[in-house]
């Protein structure tokens, strides 16, 4: 992977001992990148990992069917039919609820969890 500075004259190679080539992730796009789209795009090849759409966490622990609605690949070792790993993406501002849901989906077989913290609504005051 190469990093270009502001004037694009110097090139600095970025290396990591465990990464031997660039990784290509299929990022989520709500309403577009669902199970069918992940299956189609990963069948074409070239993707190293997928991430689900946001699963919004407020204050409760969801039952398994909620996670499976967003990530049916949980029934297939959390991989697309082409074998590409699918990570679960959680969004929320309640750390306790986020941890409970992350633990639950991890026990269901999630290969990885992408955590997106949203500030609590009560932290904002509008005048």
Protein backbone atom coordinates (compact mmCIF):
# COMPACT_ATOMS: atom_id res chain seq x y z
CA UNK A 1 0.00 0.00 0.00
CA UNK A 2 1.33 3.45 -0.83
CA UNK A 3 0.77 6.72 0.96
CA UNK A 4 1.13 9.99 -0.93
CA UNK A 5 2.03 13.22 0.79
CA UNK A 6 0.37 16.55 0.02
CA UNK A 7 2.60 17.49 -2.92
CA UNK A 8 2.56 13.95 -4.38
CA UNK A 9 6.34 13.98 -4.92
CA UNK A 10 7.43 11.43 -2.34
CA UNK A 11 6.03 7.95 -1.95
CA UNK A 12 6.23 6.14 1.37
CA UNK A 13 5.57 2.41 1.42
CA UNK A 14 3.48 1.32 4.42
CA UNK A 15 4.26 -2.17 5.66
CA UNK A 16 2.88 -4.46 8.32
CA UNK A 17 4.37 -7.84 9.26
CA UNK A 18 1.05 -9.71 9.01
CA UNK A 19 -0.33 -8.07 5.86
CA UNK A 20 1.29 -9.30 2.69
CA UNK A 21 -1.05 -7.55 0.24
CA UNK A 22 -3.74 -4.85 0.30
CA UNK A 23 -7.10 -5.92 1.74
CA UNK A 24 -10.34 -5.13 -0.05
CA UNK A 25 -13.43 -4.87 2.13
CA UNK A 26 -17.01 -4.73 0.89
CA UNK A 27 -18.38 -1.87 2.96
CA UNK A 28 -22.02 -1.73 3.99
CA UNK A 29 -24.50 0.64 2.40
CA UNK A 30 -27.89 0.59 4.06
CA UNK A 31 -30.59 -0.67 1.75
CA UNK A 32 -28.09 -1.74 -0.93
CA UNK A 33 -25.48 -4.20 0.37
CA UNK A 34 -27.63 -6.97 1.83
CA UNK A 35 -27.19 -10.75 1.70
CA UNK A 36 -28.02 -10.98 -2.01
CA UNK A 37 -25.63 -8.22 -3.00
CA UNK A 38 -22.84 -9.66 -0.79
CA UNK A 39 -23.37 -13.06 -2.43
CA UNK A 40 -23.30 -11.58 -5.94
CA UNK A 41 -20.27 -9.32 -5.46
CA UNK A 42 -18.15 -11.87 -3.59
CA UNK A 43 -18.92 -14.49 -6.25
CA UNK A 44 -17.11 -12.20 -8.71
CA UNK A 45 -14.00 -12.42 -6.51
CA UNK A 46 -11.50 -9.96 -5.11
CA UNK A 47 -13.07 -9.24 -1.73
CA UNK A 48 -11.35 -10.18 1.52
CA UNK A 49 -14.17 -9.31 3.93
CA UNK A 50 -17.74 -7.97 4.06
CA UNK A 51 -19.50 -5.95 6.74
CA UNK A 52 -23.25 -6.02 7.39
CA UNK A 53 -25.52 -3.01 7.46
CA UNK A 54 -25.87 -1.28 10.85
CA UNK A 55 -27.70 -3.19 13.53
CA UNK A 56 -28.92 -0.37 15.75
CA UNK A 57 -28.59 -1.16 19.45
CA UNK A 58 -30.55 0.96 21.93
CA UNK A 59 -30.99 -0.70 25.30
CA UNK A 60 -31.93 -4.35 24.89
CA UNK A 61 -30.26 -7.60 23.86
CA UNK A 62 -31.68 -8.80 20.58
CA UNK A 63 -32.85 -12.38 19.95
CA UNK A 64 -30.94 -14.47 17.38
CA UNK A 65 -33.48 -13.91 14.58
CA UNK A 66 -32.64 -10.17 14.52
CA UNK A 67 -28.96 -10.87 13.84
CA UNK A 68 -29.86 -13.51 11.26
CA UNK A 69 -32.14 -11.05 9.45
CA UNK A 70 -29.16 -8.72 8.91
CA UNK A 71 -26.64 -11.52 8.47
CA UNK A 72 -28.17 -14.79 7.21
CA UNK A 73 -24.58 -15.91 6.66
CA UNK A 74 -24.50 -16.72 10.40
CA UNK A 75 -26.12 -20.01 9.29
CA UNK A 76 -23.10 -20.65 7.05
CA UNK A 77 -20.18 -20.02 9.42
CA UNK A 78 -20.57 -16.26 8.89
CA UNK A 79 -19.26 -16.55 5.33
CA UNK A 80 -20.81 -15.83 1.96
CA UNK A 81 -21.40 -18.84 -0.35
CA UNK A 82 -18.03 -17.88 -1.93
CA UNK A 83 -16.33 -18.23 1.46
CA UNK A 84 -15.71 -14.54 2.18
CA UNK A 85 -16.00 -13.68 5.92
CA UNK A 86 -18.85 -11.39 6.98
CA UNK A 87 -18.43 -9.14 10.02
CA UNK A 88 -21.39 -7.84 12.02
CA UNK A 89 -21.72 -4.06 12.41
CA UNK A 90 -23.29 -2.71 15.60
CA UNK A 91 -24.26 0.95 16.11
CA UNK A 92 -25.26 2.40 19.45
CA UNK A 93 -24.47 4.66 22.36
CA UNK A 94 -25.20 2.38 25.31
CA UNK A 95 -21.95 0.53 26.09
CA UNK A 96 -23.66 -2.12 28.22
CA UNK A 97 -26.24 -2.98 25.54
CA UNK A 98 -23.54 -2.91 22.85
CA UNK A 99 -21.38 -5.34 24.86
CA UNK A 100 -24.32 -7.69 25.50
CA UNK A 101 -25.25 -7.79 21.82
CA UNK A 102 -21.63 -8.20 20.74
CA UNK A 103 -21.24 -11.11 23.15
CA UNK A 104 -24.46 -12.71 21.93
CA UNK A 105 -23.65 -12.48 18.21
CA UNK A 106 -20.11 -13.66 18.95
CA UNK A 107 -21.52 -16.81 20.56
CA UNK A 108 -23.69 -17.26 17.47
CA UNK A 109 -20.53 -17.56 15.38
CA UNK A 110 -19.67 -14.05 14.22
CA UNK A 111 -16.12 -13.94 12.86
CA UNK A 112 -15.75 -10.26 13.77
CA UNK A 113 -17.72 -7.30 15.04
CA UNK A 114 -17.47 -3.73 13.79
CA UNK A 115 -18.48 -1.38 16.62
CA UNK A 116 -19.74 2.11 15.85
CA UNK A 117 -20.36 4.26 18.89
CA UNK A 118 -23.09 6.84 18.69
CA UNK A 119 -23.35 9.45 21.47
CA UNK A 120 -26.41 9.10 23.63
CA UNK A 121 -29.28 11.34 22.61
CA UNK A 122 -29.55 12.62 26.18
CA UNK A 123 -26.09 14.15 25.83
CA UNK A 124 -27.39 16.75 23.37
CA UNK A 125 -29.28 19.81 24.49
CA UNK A 126 -30.95 22.11 22.00
CA UNK A 127 -32.16 25.60 22.91
